[in-house]
Amino acid sequence: MAAIPTRVGLVFGGASGEHAVSIRSAQTVLRGLRSGANGERYRVSCFYIDRRGCWWPEAVAAAVLERGLPAEADDLPGHLEHGGFRGFPEGALDMEVWFPVLHGPNGEDGTVQGLFTLMGVPFVGSGVLGSALGMDKQAMKAAFAAAGLPQVPYACVEVAELAAAATRSGAREALLERLEGQLGYPCFIKPANMGSSVGISKAIDRDSLLTGLELAAGLDRRLVVEQGVKARELECAVLQRSEGQGDGLSASVLGEIRFDADWYDYETKYSEGLSHTVIPALVSEAVSERARAMALDACRAVAAGGLARVDFFYDEAGETLWLNEINTLPGFTSQSMYPMLWEASGLPLPDLVHQLVLGAGRSEGWMNLEGTAA
């Protein structure tokens, strides 16, 4: 007798600046879940979250995936006046496991993970704590520091501090002087809760520092400013295997991002031909092993599980390795490092997504889909 396929809910889109990237990632994940033996293992239903946070059923989701573009109000049947979660669309409560393909706020930050946790349904990826810590760069960096992991010098800024500085005589200069004294130039300003390089800018002087702070403040109330370093950008993929020992975390080979732009901004990251990857990265075995071990330590520091991509800065001259950040729901687009790194490590896309579904809920202590204690 053939096994009954597991019902998997693939949810994508989201009320985030990374909405469009999520659609592209979902196309790749869906292809993997329907390829080869996975076509018999899983019955996948897709659900779309529009840019206002409303959930839509399979018919809408299929149309968005086919076009590869976000839905506009006119595309949505019975378009709702108000945004936000208003309940699950038809079929959603029948799902046995959820596969969130959501990047950025309202999907990668513990919010959707909390919803699935309340439902008691296993899901792919980190739980509430790991997602929240991994999303917020201020909290993430504090956790890395507490774990003794090396990072470039950085400073935290609150939007309230920036707003107060704008209204008090001399306060703005004091804030800028503090950042200049701590970090110097160049430095990079980042919203704490965005990914895909959204809202990040490079400052080379006081004017561009202030401009960068104001840009990031329009996206988040918590900001991070990092010292610029001349370094190569390395990345490592982490997978929590269902059959693994201990916490089951394993690390892929390293990859390197190379680009001709001044820095790895959104346009460079997602435009064909502006960057390329080198897999495996051309570094010594000692550096590779150090980075792979640090990637696992980074996941443990923020309680991340399921999957993650961990990014590093590497100064070849001094063989210095700094932890940059962790991404607990990394991209799955055609240009994304996470699936490419596992492909190079001997785990092609269909096997990778199969492993992710099998391990769903392991970081939360649920039973996995093979019926053994996770």
Protein backbone atom coordinates (compact mmCIF):
# COMPACT_ATOMS: atom_id res chain seq x y z
CA MET A 1 0.00 0.00 0.00
CA ALA A 2 1.38 3.40 -0.97
CA ALA A 3 2.12 5.81 1.87
CA ILE A 4 -0.31 8.68 2.29
CA PRO A 5 1.42 11.93 1.26
CA THR A 6 2.13 14.44 4.02
CA ARG A 7 0.18 17.67 3.61
CA VAL A 8 2.67 20.55 3.48
CA GLY A 9 1.60 24.18 3.61
CA LEU A 10 4.01 26.45 1.74
CA VAL A 11 3.41 30.05 2.82
CA PHE A 12 5.14 32.99 1.13
CA GLY A 13 4.94 36.72 0.39
CA GLY A 14 4.42 38.67 3.60
CA ALA A 15 4.16 42.23 4.86
CA SER A 16 7.85 42.92 4.39
CA GLY A 17 10.24 44.80 2.16
CA GLU A 18 11.47 41.38 1.00
CA HIS A 19 8.07 40.36 -0.36
CA ALA A 20 9.28 40.01 -3.97
CA VAL A 21 12.30 37.93 -2.95
CA SER A 22 9.99 35.61 -1.00
CA ILE A 23 8.00 34.86 -4.16
CA ARG A 24 11.15 33.86 -6.01
CA SER A 25 12.28 31.70 -3.11
CA ALA A 26 8.88 29.98 -2.95
CA GLN A 27 9.08 29.08 -6.64
CA THR A 28 12.34 27.22 -5.97
CA VAL A 29 11.13 25.47 -2.81
CA LEU A 30 7.92 24.36 -4.53
CA ARG A 31 9.91 22.92 -7.42
CA GLY A 32 12.02 20.94 -4.94
CA LEU A 33 8.99 19.66 -3.03
CA ARG A 34 7.39 18.41 -6.25
CA SER A 35 10.55 16.88 -7.78
CA GLY A 36 11.39 13.19 -7.89
CA ALA A 37 10.34 11.11 -4.90
CA ASN A 38 9.03 14.23 -3.14
CA GLY A 39 6.11 14.22 -5.56
CA GLU A 40 4.92 11.02 -3.88
CA ARG A 41 5.89 12.01 -0.35
CA TYR A 42 4.19 15.39 -0.15
CA ARG A 43 0.96 17.05 -1.17
CA VAL A 44 1.85 20.73 -1.23
CA SER A 45 -0.68 23.51 -0.81
CA CYS A 46 0.50 27.08 -1.32
CA PHE A 47 -0.79 30.10 0.59
CA TYR A 48 0.01 33.72 -0.21
CA ILE A 49 0.32 36.59 2.28
CA ASP A 50 -0.13 39.92 0.52
CA ARG A 51 1.89 43.04 1.30
CA ARG A 52 -0.69 44.14 3.89
CA GLY A 53 -0.48 40.83 5.77
CA CYS A 54 -3.73 39.22 4.55
CA TRP A 55 -3.68 35.46 3.84
CA TRP A 56 -5.02 34.12 0.52
CA PRO A 57 -5.89 30.58 -0.64
CA GLU A 58 -4.31 28.30 -3.21
CA ALA A 59 -5.88 29.84 -6.31
CA VAL A 60 -4.40 33.25 -5.53
CA ALA A 61 -1.07 31.75 -4.46
CA ALA A 62 -0.79 29.75 -7.69
CA ALA A 63 -1.41 32.85 -9.80
CA VAL A 64 1.27 34.82 -7.92
CA LEU A 65 3.81 32.01 -8.30
CA GLU A 66 3.05 31.64 -11.99
CA ARG A 67 3.58 35.37 -12.63
CA GLY A 68 6.46 35.68 -10.20
CA LEU A 69 5.19 39.11 -9.15
CA PRO A 70 3.35 40.44 -6.08
CA ALA A 71 -0.44 40.61 -6.32
CA GLU A 72 -2.05 44.02 -6.63
CA ALA A 73 -5.39 44.91 -5.03
CA ASP A 74 -7.24 44.37 -8.32
CA ASP A 75 -5.82 40.82 -8.52
CA LEU A 76 -7.31 39.78 -5.18
CA PRO A 77 -10.91 38.49 -5.12
CA GLY A 78 -12.98 40.28 -2.51
CA HIS A 79 -10.06 42.53 -1.59
CA LEU A 80 -10.24 43.39 2.11
CA GLU A 81 -10.25 46.98 3.35
CA HIS A 82 -8.09 46.19 6.35
CA GLY A 83 -4.73 44.45 6.38
CA GLY A 84 -3.25 41.98 8.84
CA PHE A 85 -4.11 38.41 9.72
CA ARG A 86 -7.88 37.88 9.66
CA GLY A 87 -7.93 34.08 9.87
CA PHE A 88 -6.75 31.18 7.73
CA PRO A 89 -7.99 30.71 4.18
CA GLU A 90 -9.75 27.52 3.13
CA GLY A 91 -7.58 24.42 3.42
CA ALA A 92 -4.95 25.89 5.73
CA LEU A 93 -6.13 24.05 8.84
CA ASP A 94 -5.64 20.71 7.06
CA MET A 95 -1.86 21.15 6.85
CA GLU A 96 0.30 18.68 8.79
CA VAL A 97 3.49 20.71 8.52
CA TRP A 98 4.22 24.28 7.47
CA PHE A 99 7.11 25.43 5.28
CA PRO A 100 7.40 29.22 5.71
CA VAL A 101 9.29 30.93 2.89
CA LEU A 102 9.04 34.41 4.36
CA HIS A 103 11.93 36.85 4.57
CA GLY A 104 12.17 39.81 6.92
CA PRO A 105 9.63 41.19 9.41
CA ASN A 106 6.26 39.47 9.86
CA GLY A 107 7.59 36.09 8.83
CA GLU A 108 11.22 35.56 9.77
CA ASP A 109 11.07 37.29 13.14
CA GLY A 110 9.09 34.80 15.26
CA THR A 111 5.61 36.14 14.48
CA VAL A 112 4.47 33.38 12.10
CA GLN A 113 6.47 30.88 14.14
CA GLY A 114 4.42 31.89 17.18
CA LEU A 115 1.21 31.35 15.23
CA PHE A 116 2.24 27.85 14.19
CA THR A 117 3.39 27.08 17.73
CA LEU A 118 -0.01 28.08 19.12
CA MET A 119 -1.63 25.82 16.52
CA GLY A 120 0.57 22.92 17.63
CA VAL A 121 1.64 22.19 14.06
CA PRO A 122 5.34 21.58 13.26
CA PHE A 123 7.09 23.97 10.89
CA VAL A 124 10.39 24.25 9.07
CA GLY A 125 13.01 26.51 10.63
CA SER A 126 13.80 28.12 13.95
CA GLY A 127 11.29 28.57 16.74
CA VAL A 128 10.09 31.87 18.17
CA LEU A 129 13.23 32.65 20.17
CA GLY A 130 15.74 31.72 17.47
CA SER A 131 13.78 33.59 14.81
CA ALA A 132 13.45 36.75 16.91
CA LEU A 133 17.10 36.81 17.98
CA GLY A 134 18.31 36.01 14.47
CA MET A 135 16.17 38.75 12.93
CA ASP A 136 17.04 41.67 15.21
CA LYS A 137 20.66 42.64 14.59
CA GLN A 138 21.00 44.37 17.96
CA ALA A 139 19.83 41.27 19.85
CA MET A 140 21.77 38.95 17.56
CA LYS A 141 25.03 40.81 18.06
CA ALA A 142 24.49 40.87 21.84
CA ALA A 143 24.00 37.10 21.81
CA PHE A 144 27.15 36.62 19.69
CA ALA A 145 29.12 38.84 22.08
CA ALA A 146 27.86 36.87 25.08
CA ALA A 147 29.04 33.67 23.37
CA GLY A 148 32.49 35.18 22.77
CA LEU A 149 32.21 35.13 18.99
CA PRO A 150 34.38 37.67 17.10
CA GLN A 151 32.60 40.58 15.39
CA VAL A 152 33.65 43.87 13.82
CA PRO A 153 33.20 46.88 16.12
CA TYR A 154 29.61 48.15 16.09
CA ALA A 155 27.27 50.57 17.84
CA CYS A 156 23.52 50.52 18.43
CA VAL A 157 21.27 53.51 17.81
CA GLU A 158 17.59 53.91 18.66
CA VAL A 159 15.34 56.04 16.46
CA ALA A 160 14.20 57.88 19.58
CA GLU A 161 17.81 58.87 20.20
CA LEU A 162 18.13 60.14 16.63
CA ALA A 163 14.84 62.05 16.86
CA ALA A 164 15.83 63.63 20.18
CA ALA A 165 19.19 64.61 18.70
CA ALA A 166 17.38 66.43 15.91
CA THR A 167 15.48 68.64 18.35
CA ARG A 168 18.17 69.42 20.93
CA SER A 169 20.94 71.87 20.24
CA GLY A 170 24.27 70.06 19.95
CA ALA A 171 22.75 66.61 20.52
CA ARG A 172 22.95 65.57 16.87
CA GLU A 173 26.62 66.50 16.71
CA ALA A 174 27.23 64.55 19.92
CA LEU A 175 25.59 61.43 18.44
CA LEU A 176 27.57 61.69 15.23
CA GLU A 177 30.79 62.32 17.14
CA ARG A 178 30.12 59.24 19.28
CA LEU A 179 29.73 57.05 16.22
CA GLU A 180 32.76 58.59 14.51
CA GLY A 181 34.86 58.04 17.63
CA GLN A 182 33.75 54.43 18.06
CA LEU A 183 33.82 53.34 14.43
CA GLY A 184 35.39 55.91 12.11
CA TYR A 185 34.87 55.86 8.35
CA PRO A 186 33.83 54.05 6.30
CA CYS A 187 30.99 52.54 8.29
CA PHE A 188 27.71 50.86 7.40
CA ILE A 189 24.28 51.76 8.75
CA LYS A 190 21.65 49.01 8.92
CA PRO A 191 18.06 48.71 10.10
CA ALA A 192 18.13 46.03 12.83
CA ASN A 193 15.17 44.08 11.43
CA MET A 194 15.59 43.94 7.67
CA GLY A 195 17.39 41.52 5.38
CA SER A 196 18.52 41.32 1.74
CA SER A 197 20.55 44.53 2.24
CA VAL A 198 17.32 46.56 2.34
CA GLY A 199 17.90 49.98 3.91
CA ILE A 200 21.67 49.53 4.31
CA SER A 201 23.99 52.37 3.32
CA LYS A 202 27.68 53.15 3.45
CA ALA A 203 28.92 56.31 5.15
CA ILE A 204 32.22 57.94 4.24
CA ASP A 205 31.74 61.24 6.07
CA ARG A 206 29.40 62.98 8.51
CA ASP A 207 26.85 63.98 5.87
CA SER A 208 26.48 60.44 4.50
CA LEU A 209 26.37 59.06 8.06
CA LEU A 210 23.42 61.29 8.91
CA THR A 211 21.71 60.46 5.60
CA GLY A 212 22.20 56.75 6.25
CA LEU A 213 20.79 56.99 9.78
CA GLU A 214 17.70 58.79 8.50
CA LEU A 215 17.22 56.21 5.71
CA ALA A 216 17.44 53.28 8.13
CA ALA A 217 15.21 55.07 10.66
CA GLY A 218 12.44 55.09 8.06
CA LEU A 219 12.43 51.28 8.14
CA ASP A 220 13.09 50.39 11.77
CA ARG A 221 13.27 51.98 15.21
CA ARG A 222 16.42 50.01 16.06
CA LEU A 223 19.61 50.60 14.06
CA VAL A 224 23.09 49.14 13.95
CA VAL A 225 26.21 50.95 12.71
CA GLU A 226 29.23 48.78 11.89
CA GLN A 227 32.85 49.63 11.25
CA GLY A 228 33.79 49.02 7.63
CA VAL A 229 36.54 46.48 7.07
CA LYS A 230 38.42 45.46 3.95
CA ALA A 231 37.54 41.80 3.79
CA ARG A 232 36.23 38.95 1.68
CA GLU A 233 32.61 37.83 2.25
CA LEU A 234 32.22 34.14 3.09
CA GLU A 235 29.02 32.22 3.77
CA CYS A 236 28.16 28.85 5.31
CA ALA A 237 24.83 26.99 5.24
CA VAL A 238 23.59 25.12 8.31
CA LEU A 239 21.02 22.32 8.34
CA GLN A 240 19.44 20.57 11.32
CA ARG A 241 19.17 17.00 10.11
CA SER A 242 16.36 14.82 11.39
CA GLU A 243 18.71 11.87 11.90
CA GLY A 244 21.62 13.86 13.35
CA GLN A 245 23.22 13.27 16.71
CA GLY A 246 22.98 15.82 19.51
CA ASP A 247 21.27 18.92 18.15
CA GLY A 248 21.68 17.58 14.60
CA LEU A 249 23.31 20.74 13.25
CA SER A 250 25.69 20.30 10.33
CA ALA A 251 27.59 22.82 8.21
CA SER A 252 28.06 22.95 4.44
CA VAL A 253 31.18 23.81 2.50
CA LEU A 254 32.02 27.51 2.45
CA GLY A 255 31.12 29.83 -0.38
CA GLU A 256 32.36 33.29 -1.29
CA ILE A 257 30.46 36.21 -2.78
CA ARG A 258 32.49 38.24 -5.27
CA PHE A 259 31.32 41.49 -6.83
CA ASP A 260 32.68 44.58 -8.54
CA ALA A 261 30.42 47.06 -6.73
CA ASP A 262 31.64 49.11 -3.80
CA TRP A 263 29.67 46.83 -1.49
CA TYR A 264 27.08 44.03 -1.63
CA ASP A 265 23.87 46.08 -1.83
CA TYR A 266 20.35 44.94 -2.85
CA GLU A 267 20.85 45.66 -6.57
CA THR A 268 24.14 43.77 -6.66
CA LYS A 269 22.66 40.87 -4.71
CA TYR A 270 19.61 40.29 -6.90
CA SER A 271 20.66 41.47 -10.38
CA GLU A 272 22.04 38.99 -12.87
CA GLY A 273 25.71 39.48 -13.67
CA LEU A 274 26.59 41.95 -10.89
CA SER A 275 27.96 39.33 -8.53
CA HIS A 276 29.09 35.74 -8.66
CA THR A 277 29.78 32.94 -6.23
CA VAL A 278 32.81 30.77 -5.73
CA ILE A 279 31.96 27.37 -4.20
CA PRO A 280 33.86 26.05 -2.42
CA ALA A 281 35.54 29.25 -1.27
CA LEU A 282 39.25 29.42 -1.97
CA VAL A 283 40.50 29.45 1.60
CA SER A 284 42.74 27.13 3.56
CA GLU A 285 41.32 24.03 5.22
CA ALA A 286 42.07 25.55 8.61
CA VAL A 287 40.05 28.70 7.84
CA SER A 288 37.23 26.60 6.39
CA GLU A 289 37.01 24.42 9.50
CA ARG A 290 37.15 27.47 11.74
CA ALA A 291 34.28 29.14 9.88
CA ARG A 292 32.17 25.98 9.81
CA ALA A 293 32.58 25.51 13.55
CA MET A 294 31.79 29.18 14.14
CA ALA A 295 28.64 28.85 12.02
CA LEU A 296 27.35 26.12 14.33
CA ASP A 297 28.30 28.18 17.39
CA ALA A 298 26.40 31.16 15.95
CA CYS A 299 23.25 29.04 15.56
CA ARG A 300 23.53 27.80 19.12
CA ALA A 301 24.13 31.33 20.44
CA VAL A 302 20.76 32.51 19.15
CA ALA A 303 18.89 29.18 19.53
CA ALA A 304 18.49 28.82 15.75
CA GLY A 305 17.41 25.49 14.28
CA GLY A 306 16.14 23.93 11.08
CA LEU A 307 18.13 25.99 8.62
CA ALA A 308 20.34 29.06 8.63
CA ARG A 309 22.93 30.84 6.57
CA VAL A 310 25.83 32.33 8.51
CA ASP A 311 27.89 35.13 6.94
CA PHE A 312 31.50 36.10 7.69
CA PHE A 313 34.07 38.76 6.91
CA TYR A 314 37.52 37.33 6.22
CA ASP A 315 40.74 39.38 6.22
CA GLU A 316 43.15 37.22 4.26
CA ALA A 317 46.27 39.18 5.24
CA GLY A 318 45.77 38.64 8.95
CA GLU A 319 43.70 35.44 8.60
CA THR A 320 41.09 37.18 10.73
CA LEU A 321 37.55 35.85 10.65
CA TRP A 322 34.63 37.96 11.92
CA LEU A 323 31.06 36.78 12.28
CA ASN A 324 28.79 39.12 10.32
CA GLU A 325 25.25 37.83 10.78
CA ILE A 326 22.90 34.86 10.74
CA ASN A 327 19.86 34.48 8.50
CA THR A 328 17.33 31.98 9.87
CA LEU A 329 15.19 31.86 6.69
CA PRO A 330 17.75 32.37 3.91
CA GLY A 331 16.78 32.94 0.32
CA PHE A 332 16.07 30.09 -2.09
CA THR A 333 16.20 32.08 -5.34
CA SER A 334 18.29 30.99 -8.33
CA GLN A 335 21.08 33.25 -7.03
CA SER A 336 20.80 32.28 -3.36
CA MET A 337 23.78 30.73 -1.61
CA TYR A 338 21.90 28.42 0.76
CA PRO A 339 20.71 25.81 -1.77
CA MET A 340 23.89 26.18 -3.84
CA LEU A 341 26.09 25.49 -0.82
CA TRP A 342 24.20 22.29 0.00
CA GLU A 343 24.25 21.23 -3.65
CA ALA A 344 28.04 21.53 -3.54
CA SER A 345 28.02 19.56 -0.28
CA GLY A 346 26.22 16.64 -1.91
CA LEU A 347 22.61 17.53 -1.09
CA PRO A 348 20.64 18.60 -4.19
CA LEU A 349 17.50 20.72 -3.88
CA PRO A 350 14.89 17.89 -3.67
CA ASP A 351 16.90 16.11 -0.95
CA LEU A 352 17.51 19.40 0.87
CA VAL A 353 13.83 20.37 1.12
CA HIS A 354 12.99 16.77 2.07
CA GLN A 355 15.45 16.97 4.96
CA LEU A 356 13.99 20.30 6.02
CA VAL A 357 10.45 18.93 6.13
CA LEU A 358 11.57 15.77 7.96
CA GLY A 359 13.26 17.92 10.60
CA ALA A 360 10.31 20.31 11.00
CA GLY A 361 9.74 21.06 14.66
CA ARG A 362 12.96 19.46 15.85
CA SER A 363 14.20 22.72 17.37
CA GLU A 364 10.88 22.95 19.25
CA GLY A 365 11.01 19.36 20.53
CA TRP A 366 8.07 18.00 18.49
CA MET A 367 7.93 14.56 16.89
CA ASN A 368 9.38 14.59 13.39
CA LEU A 369 7.62 13.14 10.38
CA GLU A 370 9.39 9.79 10.68
CA GLY A 371 7.63 9.31 14.02
CA THR A 372 10.71 9.49 16.23
CA ALA A 373 11.42 11.94 18.99
CA ALA A 374 12.84 15.11 17.51
